[in-house]
């Protein structure tokens, strides 16, 4: 009787181990470096003041769009 209980417990553990999925985490540090590089390029190219540079952290594509839109006209 005890042997049957042990076998059942082992089978449950094996099924539980099979159900667990491994999660693969990938890091992409170059994307962050590219974003920082583009942000610094925007500040230098457009000669933004300090507070506009701080705002450009989130809105740097906007500043480039405004600049090149003015050049296109």
C-alpha atoms as a PDB file:
ATOM      1  CA  UNK A   1       0.000   0.000   0.000  1.00  0.00           C
ATOM      2  CA  UNK A   2       2.767   2.408   0.875  1.00  0.00           C
ATOM      3  CA  UNK A   3       4.601   1.527  -2.340  1.00  0.00           C
ATOM      4  CA  UNK A   4       1.523   2.432  -4.385  1.00  0.00           C
ATOM      5  CA  UNK A   5       1.284   5.773  -2.595  1.00  0.00           C
ATOM      6  CA  UNK A   6       4.958   6.491  -3.309  1.00  0.00           C
ATOM      7  CA  UNK A   7       4.533   5.634  -6.997  1.00  0.00           C
ATOM      8  CA  UNK A   8       1.508   7.909  -7.228  1.00  0.00           C
ATOM      9  CA  UNK A   9       3.419  10.753  -5.559  1.00  0.00           C
ATOM     10  CA  UNK A  10       6.312  10.300  -7.979  1.00  0.00           C
ATOM     11  CA  UNK A  11       3.940  10.363 -10.949  1.00  0.00           C
ATOM     12  CA  UNK A  12       2.343  13.576  -9.676  1.00  0.00           C
ATOM     13  CA  UNK A  13       5.753  15.203  -9.293  1.00  0.00           C
ATOM     14  CA  UNK A  14       6.742  14.154 -12.822  1.00  0.00           C
ATOM     15  CA  UNK A  15       3.540  15.592 -14.287  1.00  0.00           C
ATOM     16  CA  UNK A  16       4.039  18.800 -12.332  1.00  0.00           C
ATOM     17  CA  UNK A  17       7.608  19.099 -13.631  1.00  0.00           C
ATOM     18  CA  UNK A  18       6.383  18.614 -17.205  1.00  0.00           C
ATOM     19  CA  UNK A  19       3.796  21.383 -16.864  1.00  0.00           C
ATOM     20  CA  UNK A  20       6.336  23.982 -15.758  1.00  0.00           C
ATOM     21  CA  UNK A  21       7.444  26.126 -18.677  1.00  0.00           C
ATOM     22  CA  UNK A  22      10.789  27.834 -18.824  1.00  0.00           C
ATOM     23  CA  UNK A  23      10.726  31.568 -19.495  1.00  0.00           C
ATOM     24  CA  UNK A  24      13.506  32.964 -21.625  1.00  0.00           C
ATOM     25  CA  UNK A  25      14.475  36.567 -20.927  1.00  0.00           C
ATOM     26  CA  UNK A  26      16.471  38.387 -23.563  1.00  0.00           C
ATOM     27  CA  UNK A  27      18.289  41.641 -22.986  1.00  0.00           C
ATOM     28  CA  UNK A  28      18.780  44.152 -25.772  1.00  0.00           C
ATOM     29  CA  UNK A  29      21.182  46.763 -24.399  1.00  0.00           C
ATOM     30  CA  UNK A  30      21.981  48.172 -27.834  1.00  0.00           C
ATOM     31  CA  UNK A  31      18.428  49.467 -28.255  1.00  0.00           C
ATOM     32  CA  UNK A  32      18.800  51.557 -25.124  1.00  0.00           C
ATOM     33  CA  UNK A  33      22.181  52.814 -26.231  1.00  0.00           C
ATOM     34  CA  UNK A  34      20.752  53.699 -29.635  1.00  0.00           C
ATOM     35  CA  UNK A  35      17.904  55.617 -28.007  1.00  0.00           C
ATOM     36  CA  UNK A  36      20.335  57.557 -25.791  1.00  0.00           C
ATOM     37  CA  UNK A  37      22.556  58.277 -28.784  1.00  0.00           C
ATOM     38  CA  UNK A  38      19.613  59.602 -30.784  1.00  0.00           C
ATOM     39  CA  UNK A  39      18.541  61.746 -27.842  1.00  0.00           C
ATOM     40  CA  UNK A  40      22.011  63.246 -27.467  1.00  0.00           C
ATOM     41  CA  UNK A  41      22.189  63.810 -31.224  1.00  0.00           C
ATOM     42  CA  UNK A  42      18.889  65.695 -31.080  1.00  0.00           C
ATOM     43  CA  UNK A  43      20.066  67.939 -28.266  1.00  0.00           C
ATOM     44  CA  UNK A  44      23.328  68.738 -30.042  1.00  0.00           C
ATOM     45  CA  UNK A  45      21.923  69.062 -33.562  1.00  0.00           C
ATOM     46  CA  UNK A  46      19.000  71.273 -32.597  1.00  0.00           C
ATOM     47  CA  UNK A  47      20.949  73.164 -29.904  1.00  0.00           C
ATOM     48  CA  UNK A  48      18.172  72.729 -27.349  1.00  0.00           C
ATOM     49  CA  UNK A  49      18.199  74.594 -24.050  1.00  0.00           C
ATOM     50  CA  UNK A  50      18.378  72.587 -20.801  1.00  0.00           C
ATOM     51  CA  UNK A  51      14.637  72.305 -20.080  1.00  0.00           C
ATOM     52  CA  UNK A  52      13.811  71.578 -23.710  1.00  0.00           C
ATOM     53  CA  UNK A  53      16.499  68.889 -23.633  1.00  0.00           C
ATOM     54  CA  UNK A  54      14.849  67.379 -20.552  1.00  0.00           C
ATOM     55  CA  UNK A  55      11.522  67.431 -22.391  1.00  0.00           C
ATOM     56  CA  UNK A  56      13.217  65.871 -25.403  1.00  0.00           C
ATOM     57  CA  UNK A  57      13.799  62.725 -23.348  1.00  0.00           C
ATOM     58  CA  UNK A  58      10.266  61.728 -24.295  1.00  0.00           C
ATOM     59  CA  UNK A  59       9.591  63.906 -27.318  1.00  0.00           C
ATOM     60  CA  UNK A  60      12.803  63.880 -29.346  1.00  0.00           C
ATOM     61  CA  UNK A  61      11.080  62.688 -32.557  1.00  0.00           C
ATOM     62  CA  UNK A  62       8.747  65.692 -32.264  1.00  0.00           C
ATOM     63  CA  UNK A  63      11.658  68.121 -32.102  1.00  0.00           C
ATOM     64  CA  UNK A  64      13.287  66.539 -35.151  1.00  0.00           C
ATOM     65  CA  UNK A  65       9.977  66.650 -37.029  1.00  0.00           C
ATOM     66  CA  UNK A  66       9.462  70.328 -36.276  1.00  0.00           C
ATOM     67  CA  UNK A  67      13.007  71.149 -37.336  1.00  0.00           C
ATOM     68  CA  UNK A  68      12.899  69.261 -40.636  1.00  0.00           C
ATOM     69  CA  UNK A  69       9.356  70.437 -41.386  1.00  0.00           C
ATOM     70  CA  UNK A  70      10.570  74.011 -41.166  1.00  0.00           C
ATOM     71  CA  UNK A  71      13.437  73.176 -43.540  1.00  0.00           C
ATOM     72  CA  UNK A  72      11.061  71.580 -46.047  1.00  0.00           C
ATOM     73  CA  UNK A  73       8.967  74.726 -46.387  1.00  0.00           C
END
